[in-house]
Amino acid sequence: MAAKSSANGIADDDLEPLADETARQAQRVVAAYAADADECRMLLSMLGIGPGARTE
């Protein structure tokens, strides 16, 4: 089966997992700008960096 392509033409198989430190930094930025905890959780989930999202 061929790899699924995103809108920008990059195959899902070509994407590399986000480094732990990069994810933590992104979580901090999102938390700093979110209006409240619910918005923070929603944004982190949309980015795929929410708590429990990493299963390595």
PDB file of N, CA and C in Angstrom:
ATOM      1  N   MET A   1       0.840  -1.176   0.000  1.00  0.00           N
ATOM      2  CA  MET A   1       0.000   0.000   0.000  1.00  0.00           C
ATOM      3  C   MET A   1       0.887   1.242   0.000  1.00  0.00           C
ATOM      4  N   ALA A   2       0.557   2.203  -0.819  1.00  0.00           N
ATOM      5  CA  ALA A   2       1.343   3.433  -0.913  1.00  0.00           C
ATOM      6  C   ALA A   2       1.098   4.322   0.296  1.00  0.00           C
ATOM      7  N   ALA A   3       2.114   5.090   0.634  1.00  0.00           N
ATOM      8  CA  ALA A   3       1.996   6.013   1.767  1.00  0.00           C
ATOM      9  C   ALA A   3       1.008   7.118   1.419  1.00  0.00           C
ATOM     10  N   LYS A   4       0.226   7.496   2.386  1.00  0.00           N
ATOM     11  CA  LYS A   4      -0.749   8.568   2.209  1.00  0.00           C
ATOM     12  C   LYS A   4      -0.020   9.891   2.059  1.00  0.00           C
ATOM     13  N   SER A   5      -0.480  10.721   1.166  1.00  0.00           N
ATOM     14  CA  SER A   5       0.144  12.026   0.935  1.00  0.00           C
ATOM     15  C   SER A   5      -0.661  13.121   1.607  1.00  0.00           C
ATOM     16  N   SER A   6       0.010  14.061   2.230  1.00  0.00           N
ATOM     17  CA  SER A   6      -0.679  15.211   2.809  1.00  0.00           C
ATOM     18  C   SER A   6      -0.922  16.245   1.734  1.00  0.00           C
ATOM     19  N   ALA A   7      -1.564  17.335   2.117  1.00  0.00           N
ATOM     20  CA  ALA A   7      -1.909  18.403   1.168  1.00  0.00           C
ATOM     21  C   ALA A   7      -0.669  19.017   0.526  1.00  0.00           C
ATOM     22  N   ASN A   8       0.469  18.997   1.235  1.00  0.00           N
ATOM     23  CA  ASN A   8       1.671  19.630   0.681  1.00  0.00           C
ATOM     24  C   ASN A   8       2.531  18.667  -0.132  1.00  0.00           C
ATOM     25  N   GLY A   9       2.068  17.444  -0.347  1.00  0.00           N
ATOM     26  CA  GLY A   9       2.780  16.502  -1.183  1.00  0.00           C
ATOM     27  C   GLY A   9       3.835  15.675  -0.477  1.00  0.00           C
ATOM     28  N   ILE A  10       3.927  15.762   0.841  1.00  0.00           N
ATOM     29  CA  ILE A  10       4.891  14.966   1.599  1.00  0.00           C
ATOM     30  C   ILE A  10       4.203  13.696   2.069  1.00  0.00           C
ATOM     31  N   ALA A  11       4.792  12.553   1.775  1.00  0.00           N
ATOM     32  CA  ALA A  11       4.215  11.278   2.189  1.00  0.00           C
ATOM     33  C   ALA A  11       4.354  11.119   3.698  1.00  0.00           C
ATOM     34  N   ASP A  12       3.345  10.515   4.325  1.00  0.00           N
ATOM     35  CA  ASP A  12       3.374  10.323   5.776  1.00  0.00           C
ATOM     36  C   ASP A  12       4.603   9.530   6.214  1.00  0.00           C
ATOM     37  N   ASP A  13       5.084   8.613   5.369  1.00  0.00           N
ATOM     38  CA  ASP A  13       6.270   7.817   5.709  1.00  0.00           C
ATOM     39  C   ASP A  13       7.542   8.663   5.745  1.00  0.00           C
ATOM     40  N   ASP A  14       7.524   9.825   5.088  1.00  0.00           N
ATOM     41  CA  ASP A  14       8.698  10.699   5.048  1.00  0.00           C
ATOM     42  C   ASP A  14       8.822  11.574   6.293  1.00  0.00           C
ATOM     43  N   LEU A  15       7.773  11.647   7.095  1.00  0.00           N
ATOM     44  CA  LEU A  15       7.795  12.484   8.292  1.00  0.00           C
ATOM     45  C   LEU A  15       8.509  11.764   9.422  1.00  0.00           C
ATOM     46  N   GLU A  16       9.341  12.482  10.144  1.00  0.00           N
ATOM     47  CA  GLU A  16      10.067  11.896  11.268  1.00  0.00           C
ATOM     48  C   GLU A  16       9.389  12.281  12.568  1.00  0.00           C
ATOM     49  N   PRO A  17       9.478  11.425  13.581  1.00  0.00           N
ATOM     50  CA  PRO A  17       8.858  11.769  14.865  1.00  0.00           C
ATOM     51  C   PRO A  17       9.533  12.991  15.486  1.00  0.00           C
ATOM     52  N   LEU A  18       8.749  13.715  16.241  1.00  0.00           N
ATOM     53  CA  LEU A  18       9.231  14.917  16.904  1.00  0.00           C
ATOM     54  C   LEU A  18      10.122  14.538  18.081  1.00  0.00           C
ATOM     55  N   ALA A  19      11.258  15.191  18.203  1.00  0.00           N
ATOM     56  CA  ALA A  19      12.162  14.925  19.324  1.00  0.00           C
ATOM     57  C   ALA A  19      11.485  15.330  20.626  1.00  0.00           C
ATOM     58  N   ASP A  20      11.763  14.614  21.701  1.00  0.00           N
ATOM     59  CA  ASP A  20      11.148  14.889  23.000  1.00  0.00           C
ATOM     60  C   ASP A  20      11.352  16.332  23.441  1.00  0.00           C
ATOM     61  N   GLU A  21      12.555  16.836  23.309  1.00  0.00           N
ATOM     62  CA  GLU A  21      12.845  18.203  23.743  1.00  0.00           C
ATOM     63  C   GLU A  21      12.071  19.220  22.899  1.00  0.00           C
ATOM     64  N   THR A  22      11.955  18.975  21.615  1.00  0.00           N
ATOM     65  CA  THR A  22      11.199  19.869  20.735  1.00  0.00           C
ATOM     66  C   THR A  22       9.729  19.866  21.128  1.00  0.00           C
ATOM     67  N   ALA A  23       9.188  18.697  21.419  1.00  0.00           N
ATOM     68  CA  ALA A  23       7.785  18.591  21.841  1.00  0.00           C
ATOM     69  C   ALA A  23       7.568  19.336  23.157  1.00  0.00           C
ATOM     70  N   ARG A  24       8.483  19.194  24.102  1.00  0.00           N
ATOM     71  CA  ARG A  24       8.352  19.897  25.384  1.00  0.00           C
ATOM     72  C   ARG A  24       8.381  21.412  25.190  1.00  0.00           C
ATOM     73  N   GLN A  25       9.258  21.878  24.320  1.00  0.00           N
ATOM     74  CA  GLN A  25       9.335  23.320  24.059  1.00  0.00           C
ATOM     75  C   GLN A  25       8.041  23.814  23.410  1.00  0.00           C
ATOM     76  N   ALA A  26       7.518  23.048  22.479  1.00  0.00           N
ATOM     77  CA  ALA A  26       6.266  23.424  21.817  1.00  0.00           C
ATOM     78  C   ALA A  26       5.112  23.429  22.823  1.00  0.00           C
ATOM     79  N   GLN A  27       5.099  22.460  23.735  1.00  0.00           N
ATOM     80  CA  GLN A  27       4.053  22.418  24.760  1.00  0.00           C
ATOM     81  C   GLN A  27       4.106  23.669  25.632  1.00  0.00           C
ATOM     82  N   ARG A  28       5.302  24.101  25.987  1.00  0.00           N
ATOM     83  CA  ARG A  28       5.449  25.307  26.812  1.00  0.00           C
ATOM     84  C   ARG A  28       4.930  26.549  26.090  1.00  0.00           C
ATOM     85  N   VAL A  29       5.228  26.667  24.808  1.00  0.00           N
ATOM     86  CA  VAL A  29       4.775  27.825  24.036  1.00  0.00           C
ATOM     87  C   VAL A  29       3.252  27.822  23.938  1.00  0.00           C
ATOM     88  N   VAL A  30       2.678  26.670  23.624  1.00  0.00           N
ATOM     89  CA  VAL A  30       1.219  26.577  23.519  1.00  0.00           C
ATOM     90  C   VAL A  30       0.577  26.925  24.860  1.00  0.00           C
ATOM     91  N   ALA A  31       1.114  26.389  25.948  1.00  0.00           N
ATOM     92  CA  ALA A  31       0.560  26.655  27.279  1.00  0.00           C
ATOM     93  C   ALA A  31       0.639  28.138  27.625  1.00  0.00           C
ATOM     94  N   ALA A  32       1.701  28.794  27.209  1.00  0.00           N
ATOM     95  CA  ALA A  32       1.871  30.216  27.519  1.00  0.00           C
ATOM     96  C   ALA A  32       0.843  31.089  26.806  1.00  0.00           C
ATOM     97  N   TYR A  33       0.430  30.691  25.606  1.00  0.00           N
ATOM     98  CA  TYR A  33      -0.476  31.522  24.823  1.00  0.00           C
ATOM     99  C   TYR A  33      -1.929  31.078  24.878  1.00  0.00           C
ATOM    100  N   ALA A  34      -2.216  29.912  25.428  1.00  0.00           N
ATOM    101  CA  ALA A  34      -3.596  29.430  25.510  1.00  0.00           C
ATOM    102  C   ALA A  34      -4.383  30.261  26.516  1.00  0.00           C
ATOM    103  N   ALA A  35      -5.647  30.475  26.220  1.00  0.00           N
ATOM    104  CA  ALA A  35      -6.506  31.281  27.098  1.00  0.00           C
ATOM    105  C   ALA A  35      -6.845  30.547  28.392  1.00  0.00           C
ATOM    106  N   ASP A  36      -6.983  29.224  28.313  1.00  0.00           N
ATOM    107  CA  ASP A  36      -7.303  28.437  29.505  1.00  0.00           C
ATOM    108  C   ASP A  36      -6.857  26.995  29.287  1.00  0.00           C
ATOM    109  N   ALA A  37      -7.068  26.165  30.288  1.00  0.00           N
ATOM    110  CA  ALA A  37      -6.588  24.780  30.235  1.00  0.00           C
ATOM    111  C   ALA A  37      -7.271  23.986  29.122  1.00  0.00           C
ATOM    112  N   ASP A  38      -8.562  24.225  28.911  1.00  0.00           N
ATOM    113  CA  ASP A  38      -9.279  23.499  27.852  1.00  0.00           C
ATOM    114  C   ASP A  38      -8.728  23.839  26.471  1.00  0.00           C
ATOM    115  N   GLU A  39      -8.463  25.115  26.242  1.00  0.00           N
ATOM    116  CA  GLU A  39      -7.884  25.516  24.960  1.00  0.00           C
ATOM    117  C   GLU A  39      -6.491  24.918  24.789  1.00  0.00           C
ATOM    118  N   CYS A  40      -5.715  24.910  25.863  1.00  0.00           N
ATOM    119  CA  CYS A  40      -4.372  24.339  25.819  1.00  0.00           C
ATOM    120  C   CYS A  40      -4.428  22.862  25.429  1.00  0.00           C
ATOM    121  N   ARG A  41      -5.308  22.105  26.096  1.00  0.00           N
ATOM    122  CA  ARG A  41      -5.453  20.677  25.781  1.00  0.00           C
ATOM    123  C   ARG A  41      -5.868  20.470  24.330  1.00  0.00           C
ATOM    124  N   MET A  42      -6.819  21.283  23.850  1.00  0.00           N
ATOM    125  CA  MET A  42      -7.300  21.152  22.482  1.00  0.00           C
ATOM    126  C   MET A  42      -6.163  21.422  21.484  1.00  0.00           C
ATOM    127  N   LEU A  43      -5.414  22.511  21.699  1.00  0.00           N
ATOM    128  CA  LEU A  43      -4.329  22.855  20.782  1.00  0.00           C
ATOM    129  C   LEU A  43      -3.219  21.803  20.794  1.00  0.00           C
ATOM    130  N   LEU A  44      -2.858  21.326  21.983  1.00  0.00           N
ATOM    131  CA  LEU A  44      -1.826  20.285  22.074  1.00  0.00           C
ATOM    132  C   LEU A  44      -2.278  19.021  21.361  1.00  0.00           C
ATOM    133  N   SER A  45      -3.542  18.671  21.516  1.00  0.00           N
ATOM    134  CA  SER A  45      -4.085  17.490  20.847  1.00  0.00           C
ATOM    135  C   SER A  45      -4.060  17.663  19.331  1.00  0.00           C
ATOM    136  N   MET A  46      -4.439  18.849  18.850  1.00  0.00           N
ATOM    137  CA  MET A  46      -4.433  19.119  17.414  1.00  0.00           C
ATOM    138  C   MET A  46      -3.023  19.016  16.830  1.00  0.00           C
ATOM    139  N   LEU A  47      -2.038  19.412  17.621  1.00  0.00           N
ATOM    140  CA  LEU A  47      -0.647  19.348  17.166  1.00  0.00           C
ATOM    141  C   LEU A  47      -0.032  17.959  17.348  1.00  0.00           C
ATOM    142  N   GLY A  48      -0.738  17.097  18.065  1.00  0.00           N
ATOM    143  CA  GLY A  48      -0.216  15.748  18.302  1.00  0.00           C
ATOM    144  C   GLY A  48       0.859  15.709  19.358  1.00  0.00           C
ATOM    145  N   ILE A  49       0.871  16.708  20.241  1.00  0.00           N
ATOM    146  CA  ILE A  49       1.899  16.758  21.282  1.00  0.00           C
ATOM    147  C   ILE A  49       1.284  16.846  22.667  1.00  0.00           C
ATOM    148  N   GLY A  50       0.033  16.416  22.772  1.00  0.00           N
ATOM    149  CA  GLY A  50      -0.650  16.451  24.050  1.00  0.00           C
ATOM    150  C   GLY A  50      -0.094  15.410  25.000  1.00  0.00           C
ATOM    151  N   PRO A  51      -0.451  15.536  26.280  1.00  0.00           N
ATOM    152  CA  PRO A  51       0.008  14.559  27.264  1.00  0.00           C
ATOM    153  C   PRO A  51      -0.482  13.159  26.879  1.00  0.00           C
ATOM    154  N   GLY A  52       0.412  12.214  26.951  1.00  0.00           N
ATOM    155  CA  GLY A  52       0.054  10.835  26.605  1.00  0.00           C
ATOM    156  C   GLY A  52       0.038  10.546  25.108  1.00  0.00           C
ATOM    157  N   ALA A  53       0.333  11.535  24.273  1.00  0.00           N
ATOM    158  CA  ALA A  53       0.313  11.333  22.824  1.00  0.00           C
ATOM    159  C   ALA A  53       1.496  10.494  22.357  1.00  0.00           C
ATOM    160  N   ARG A  54       2.592  10.545  23.078  1.00  0.00           N
ATOM    161  CA  ARG A  54       3.803   9.812  22.694  1.00  0.00           C
ATOM    162  C   ARG A  54       3.782   8.432  23.310  1.00  0.00           C
ATOM    163  N   THR A  55       3.913   7.415  22.460  1.00  0.00           N
ATOM    164  CA  THR A  55       3.853   6.035  22.939  1.00  0.00           C
ATOM    165  C   THR A  55       5.099   5.253  22.540  1.00  0.00           C
ATOM    166  N   GLU A  56       6.241   5.802  22.838  1.00  0.00           N
ATOM    167  CA  GLU A  56       7.491   5.131  22.465  1.00  0.00           C
ATOM    168  C   GLU A  56       8.040   4.326  23.599  1.00  0.00           C
TER     169      GLU A  56
END
